[in-house]
PDB file of N, CA and C in Angstrom:
ATOM      1  N   UNK A   1     101.653 124.688  89.272  1.00  0.00           N
ATOM      2  CA  UNK A   1     100.938 124.025  90.331  1.00  0.00           C
ATOM      3  C   UNK A   1      99.449 124.215  90.095  1.00  0.00           C
ATOM      4  N   UNK A   2      98.786 123.122  89.810  1.00  0.00           N
ATOM      5  CA  UNK A   2      97.366 123.218  89.502  1.00  0.00           C
ATOM      6  C   UNK A   2      96.519 123.377  90.760  1.00  0.00           C
ATOM      7  N   UNK A   3      96.694 122.473  91.694  1.00  0.00           N
ATOM      8  CA  UNK A   3      95.917 122.561  92.930  1.00  0.00           C
ATOM      9  C   UNK A   3      96.869 122.669  94.104  1.00  0.00           C
ATOM     10  N   UNK A   4      96.686 123.680  94.902  1.00  0.00           N
ATOM     11  CA  UNK A   4      97.591 123.951  96.029  1.00  0.00           C
ATOM     12  C   UNK A   4      97.607 122.793  97.020  1.00  0.00           C
ATOM     13  N   UNK A   5      96.459 122.144  97.241  1.00  0.00           N
ATOM     14  CA  UNK A   5      96.405 121.083  98.251  1.00  0.00           C
ATOM     15  C   UNK A   5      97.213 119.852  97.841  1.00  0.00           C
ATOM     16  N   UNK A   6      97.525 119.704  96.546  1.00  0.00           N
ATOM     17  CA  UNK A   6      98.347 118.583  96.100  1.00  0.00           C
ATOM     18  C   UNK A   6      99.797 118.721  96.538  1.00  0.00           C
ATOM     19  N   UNK A   7     100.218 119.942  96.836  1.00  0.00           N
ATOM     20  CA  UNK A   7     101.607 120.196  97.160  1.00  0.00           C
ATOM     21  C   UNK A   7     101.836 120.553  98.620  1.00  0.00           C
ATOM     22  N   UNK A   8     100.807 120.518  99.428  1.00  0.00           N
ATOM     23  CA  UNK A   8     100.932 120.878 100.830  1.00  0.00           C
ATOM     24  C   UNK A   8     101.580 119.724 101.589  1.00  0.00           C
ATOM     25  N   UNK A   9     102.583 120.060 102.397  1.00  0.00           N
ATOM     26  CA  UNK A   9     103.286 119.062 103.200  1.00  0.00           C
ATOM     27  C   UNK A   9     102.750 119.135 104.626  1.00  0.00           C
ATOM     28  N   UNK A  10     102.125 118.064 105.074  1.00  0.00           N
ATOM     29  CA  UNK A  10     101.557 118.040 106.419  1.00  0.00           C
ATOM     30  C   UNK A  10     102.481 117.374 107.429  1.00  0.00           C
ATOM     31  N   UNK A  11     103.656 116.936 106.995  1.00  0.00           N
ATOM     32  CA  UNK A  11     104.582 116.232 107.885  1.00  0.00           C
ATOM     33  C   UNK A  11     105.177 117.157 108.928  1.00  0.00           C
ATOM     34  N   UNK A  12     105.691 116.558 109.985  1.00  0.00           N
ATOM     35  CA  UNK A  12     106.331 117.323 111.051  1.00  0.00           C
ATOM     36  C   UNK A  12     107.699 117.792 110.594  1.00  0.00           C
ATOM     37  N   UNK A  13     108.073 118.976 110.969  1.00  0.00           N
ATOM     38  CA  UNK A  13     109.373 119.529 110.620  1.00  0.00           C
ATOM     39  C   UNK A  13     110.468 118.755 111.354  1.00  0.00           C
ATOM     40  N   UNK A  14     111.452 118.268 110.613  1.00  0.00           N
ATOM     41  CA  UNK A  14     112.559 117.540 111.212  1.00  0.00           C
ATOM     42  C   UNK A  14     112.374 116.045 111.266  1.00  0.00           C
ATOM     43  N   UNK A  15     111.267 115.539 110.750  1.00  0.00           N
ATOM     44  CA  UNK A  15     111.003 114.104 110.856  1.00  0.00           C
ATOM     45  C   UNK A  15     111.907 113.276 109.946  1.00  0.00           C
ATOM     46  N   UNK A  16     112.398 113.848 108.838  1.00  0.00           N
ATOM     47  CA  UNK A  16     113.244 113.084 107.939  1.00  0.00           C
ATOM     48  C   UNK A  16     114.725 113.212 108.292  1.00  0.00           C
ATOM     49  N   UNK A  17     115.072 114.148 109.137  1.00  0.00           N
ATOM     50  CA  UNK A  17     116.463 114.347 109.510  1.00  0.00           C
ATOM     51  C   UNK A  17     117.161 115.415 108.691  1.00  0.00           C
ATOM     52  N   UNK A  18     116.507 115.924 107.667  1.00  0.00           N
ATOM     53  CA  UNK A  18     117.080 116.979 106.831  1.00  0.00           C
ATOM     54  C   UNK A  18     116.361 118.287 107.134  1.00  0.00           C
ATOM     55  N   UNK A  19     116.688 118.880 108.259  1.00  0.00           N
ATOM     56  CA  UNK A  19     115.981 120.063 108.737  1.00  0.00           C
ATOM     57  C   UNK A  19     116.120 121.248 107.776  1.00  0.00           C
ATOM     58  N   UNK A  20     117.333 121.454 107.230  1.00  0.00           N
ATOM     59  CA  UNK A  20     117.536 122.588 106.332  1.00  0.00           C
ATOM     60  C   UNK A  20     116.708 122.437 105.066  1.00  0.00           C
ATOM     61  N   UNK A  21     116.707 121.225 104.500  1.00  0.00           N
ATOM     62  CA  UNK A  21     115.963 120.963 103.261  1.00  0.00           C
ATOM     63  C   UNK A  21     114.463 121.150 103.494  1.00  0.00           C
ATOM     64  N   UNK A  22     113.965 120.604 104.599  1.00  0.00           N
ATOM     65  CA  UNK A  22     112.535 120.740 104.914  1.00  0.00           C
ATOM     66  C   UNK A  22     112.152 122.199 105.142  1.00  0.00           C
ATOM     67  N   UNK A  23     112.998 122.947 105.815  1.00  0.00           N
ATOM     68  CA  UNK A  23     112.712 124.366 106.058  1.00  0.00           C
ATOM     69  C   UNK A  23     112.673 125.144 104.755  1.00  0.00           C
ATOM     70  N   UNK A  24     113.605 124.851 103.841  1.00  0.00           N
ATOM     71  CA  UNK A  24     113.626 125.523 102.550  1.00  0.00           C
ATOM     72  C   UNK A  24     112.377 125.199 101.744  1.00  0.00           C
ATOM     73  N   UNK A  25     111.964 123.951 101.746  1.00  0.00           N
ATOM     74  CA  UNK A  25     110.772 123.558 100.993  1.00  0.00           C
ATOM     75  C   UNK A  25     109.517 124.203 101.570  1.00  0.00           C
ATOM     76  N   UNK A  26     109.417 124.273 102.892  1.00  0.00           N
ATOM     77  CA  UNK A  26     108.253 124.922 103.503  1.00  0.00           C
ATOM     78  C   UNK A  26     108.225 126.411 103.162  1.00  0.00           C
ATOM     79  N   UNK A  27     109.398 127.057 103.151  1.00  0.00           N
ATOM     80  CA  UNK A  27     109.471 128.468 102.787  1.00  0.00           C
ATOM     81  C   UNK A  27     109.066 128.674 101.333  1.00  0.00           C
ATOM     82  N   UNK A  28     109.582 127.834 100.436  1.00  0.00           N
ATOM     83  CA  UNK A  28     109.261 127.981  99.022  1.00  0.00           C
ATOM     84  C   UNK A  28     107.791 127.706  98.746  1.00  0.00           C
ATOM     85  N   UNK A  29     107.169 126.811  99.492  1.00  0.00           N
ATOM     86  CA  UNK A  29     105.748 126.525  99.299  1.00  0.00           C
ATOM     87  C   UNK A  29     104.859 127.685  99.737  1.00  0.00           C
ATOM     88  N   UNK A  30     105.356 128.540 100.619  1.00  0.00           N
ATOM     89  CA  UNK A  30     104.570 129.690 101.074  1.00  0.00           C
ATOM     90  C   UNK A  30     104.655 130.864 100.102  1.00  0.00           C
ATOM     91  N   UNK A  31     105.708 130.882  99.275  1.00  0.00           N
ATOM     92  CA  UNK A  31     105.895 131.984  98.329  1.00  0.00           C
ATOM     93  C   UNK A  31     105.031 131.790  97.093  1.00  0.00           C
ATOM     94  N   UNK A  32     104.703 132.884  96.408  1.00  0.00           N
ATOM     95  CA  UNK A  32     104.019 132.747  95.122  1.00  0.00           C
ATOM     96  C   UNK A  32     104.913 131.992  94.131  1.00  0.00           C
ATOM     97  N   UNK A  33     104.300 131.320  93.162  1.00  0.00           N
ATOM     98  CA  UNK A  33     105.028 130.438  92.250  1.00  0.00           C
ATOM     99  C   UNK A  33     106.162 131.158  91.522  1.00  0.00           C
ATOM    100  N   UNK A  34     105.893 132.331  90.978  1.00  0.00           N
ATOM    101  CA  UNK A  34     106.923 133.048  90.217  1.00  0.00           C
ATOM    102  C   UNK A  34     108.091 133.481  91.096  1.00  0.00           C
ATOM    103  N   UNK A  35     107.808 133.891  92.314  1.00  0.00           N
ATOM    104  CA  UNK A  35     108.871 134.290  93.227  1.00  0.00           C
ATOM    105  C   UNK A  35     109.707 133.081  93.640  1.00  0.00           C
ATOM    106  N   UNK A  36     109.062 131.964  93.914  1.00  0.00           N
ATOM    107  CA  UNK A  36     109.784 130.750  94.281  1.00  0.00           C
ATOM    108  C   UNK A  36     110.672 130.288  93.127  1.00  0.00           C
ATOM    109  N   UNK A  37     110.161 130.371  91.910  1.00  0.00           N
ATOM    110  CA  UNK A  37     110.940 129.986  90.730  1.00  0.00           C
ATOM    111  C   UNK A  37     112.158 130.894  90.587  1.00  0.00           C
ATOM    112  N   UNK A  38     111.993 132.180  90.820  1.00  0.00           N
ATOM    113  CA  UNK A  38     113.114 133.124  90.738  1.00  0.00           C
ATOM    114  C   UNK A  38     114.170 132.828  91.795  1.00  0.00           C
ATOM    115  N   UNK A  39     113.744 132.518  92.999  1.00  0.00           N
ATOM    116  CA  UNK A  39     114.680 132.205  94.078  1.00  0.00           C
ATOM    117  C   UNK A  39     115.487 130.957  93.733  1.00  0.00           C
ATOM    118  N   UNK A  40     114.835 129.934  93.200  1.00  0.00           N
ATOM    119  CA  UNK A  40     115.525 128.703  92.828  1.00  0.00           C
ATOM    120  C   UNK A  40     116.530 128.968  91.714  1.00  0.00           C
ATOM    121  N   UNK A  41     116.174 129.781  90.741  1.00  0.00           N
ATOM    122  CA  UNK A  41     117.090 130.105  89.641  1.00  0.00           C
ATOM    123  C   UNK A  41     118.295 130.889  90.156  1.00  0.00           C
ATOM    124  N   UNK A  42     118.078 131.819  91.065  1.00  0.00           N
ATOM    125  CA  UNK A  42     119.180 132.605  91.627  1.00  0.00           C
ATOM    126  C   UNK A  42     120.113 131.713  92.444  1.00  0.00           C
ATOM    127  N   UNK A  43     119.564 130.824  93.256  1.00  0.00           N
ATOM    128  CA  UNK A  43     120.399 129.913  94.047  1.00  0.00           C
ATOM    129  C   UNK A  43     121.201 128.994  93.129  1.00  0.00           C
ATOM    130  N   UNK A  44     120.558 128.455  92.094  1.00  0.00           N
ATOM    131  CA  UNK A  44     121.254 127.588  91.152  1.00  0.00           C
ATOM    132  C   UNK A  44     122.357 128.314  90.414  1.00  0.00           C
ATOM    133  N   UNK A  45     122.092 129.529  89.983  1.00  0.00           N
ATOM    134  CA  UNK A  45     123.117 130.329  89.300  1.00  0.00           C
ATOM    135  C   UNK A  45     124.283 130.625  90.236  1.00  0.00           C
ATOM    136  N   UNK A  46     123.978 130.854  91.483  1.00  0.00           N
ATOM    137  CA  UNK A  46     125.035 131.102  92.471  1.00  0.00           C
ATOM    138  C   UNK A  46     125.948 129.895  92.632  1.00  0.00           C
ATOM    139  N   UNK A  47     125.372 128.698  92.662  1.00  0.00           N
ATOM    140  CA  UNK A  47     126.183 127.483  92.758  1.00  0.00           C
ATOM    141  C   UNK A  47     127.056 127.304  91.519  1.00  0.00           C
ATOM    142  N   UNK A  48     126.497 127.588  90.344  1.00  0.00           N
ATOM    143  CA  UNK A  48     127.265 127.460  89.105  1.00  0.00           C
ATOM    144  C   UNK A  48     128.418 128.450  89.089  1.00  0.00           C
ATOM    145  N   UNK A  49     128.155 129.701  89.455  1.00  0.00           N
ATOM    146  CA  UNK A  49     129.210 130.713  89.484  1.00  0.00           C
ATOM    147  C   UNK A  49     130.281 130.389  90.526  1.00  0.00           C
ATOM    148  N   UNK A  50     129.876 129.901  91.668  1.00  0.00           N
ATOM    149  CA  UNK A  50     130.831 129.523  92.699  1.00  0.00           C
ATOM    150  C   UNK A  50     131.718 128.369  92.232  1.00  0.00           C
ATOM    151  N   UNK A  51     131.104 127.382  91.582  1.00  0.00           N
ATOM    152  CA  UNK A  51     131.876 126.265  91.049  1.00  0.00           C
ATOM    153  C   UNK A  51     132.855 126.706  89.978  1.00  0.00           C
ATOM    154  N   UNK A  52     132.451 127.610  89.102  1.00  0.00           N
ATOM    155  CA  UNK A  52     133.347 128.124  88.059  1.00  0.00           C
ATOM    156  C   UNK A  52     134.478 128.921  88.681  1.00  0.00           C
ATOM    157  N   UNK A  53     134.190 129.674  89.724  1.00  0.00           N
ATOM    158  CA  UNK A  53     135.220 130.475  90.382  1.00  0.00           C
ATOM    159  C   UNK A  53     136.234 129.573  91.102  1.00  0.00           C
ATOM    160  N   UNK A  54     135.748 128.504  91.721  1.00  0.00           N
ATOM    161  CA  UNK A  54     136.647 127.581  92.435  1.00  0.00           C
ATOM    162  C   UNK A  54     137.563 126.854  91.455  1.00  0.00           C
ATOM    163  N   UNK A  55     137.017 126.471  90.318  1.00  0.00           N
ATOM    164  CA  UNK A  55     137.823 125.758  89.317  1.00  0.00           C
ATOM    165  C   UNK A  55     138.845 126.716  88.740  1.00  0.00           C
TER     166      UNK A  55
END
């Protein structure tokens, strides 16, 4: 992320109808870049492991 203001979301929470998605994005935007990247990788790995376990 080069400039923080390019990624700031000024929209109202809940305006798109996807409250969970908007809340997650607002949370990730508040975290430092490396921490947000780690959280996304952990969540993605969790989905992959869950899918492998279900299969």
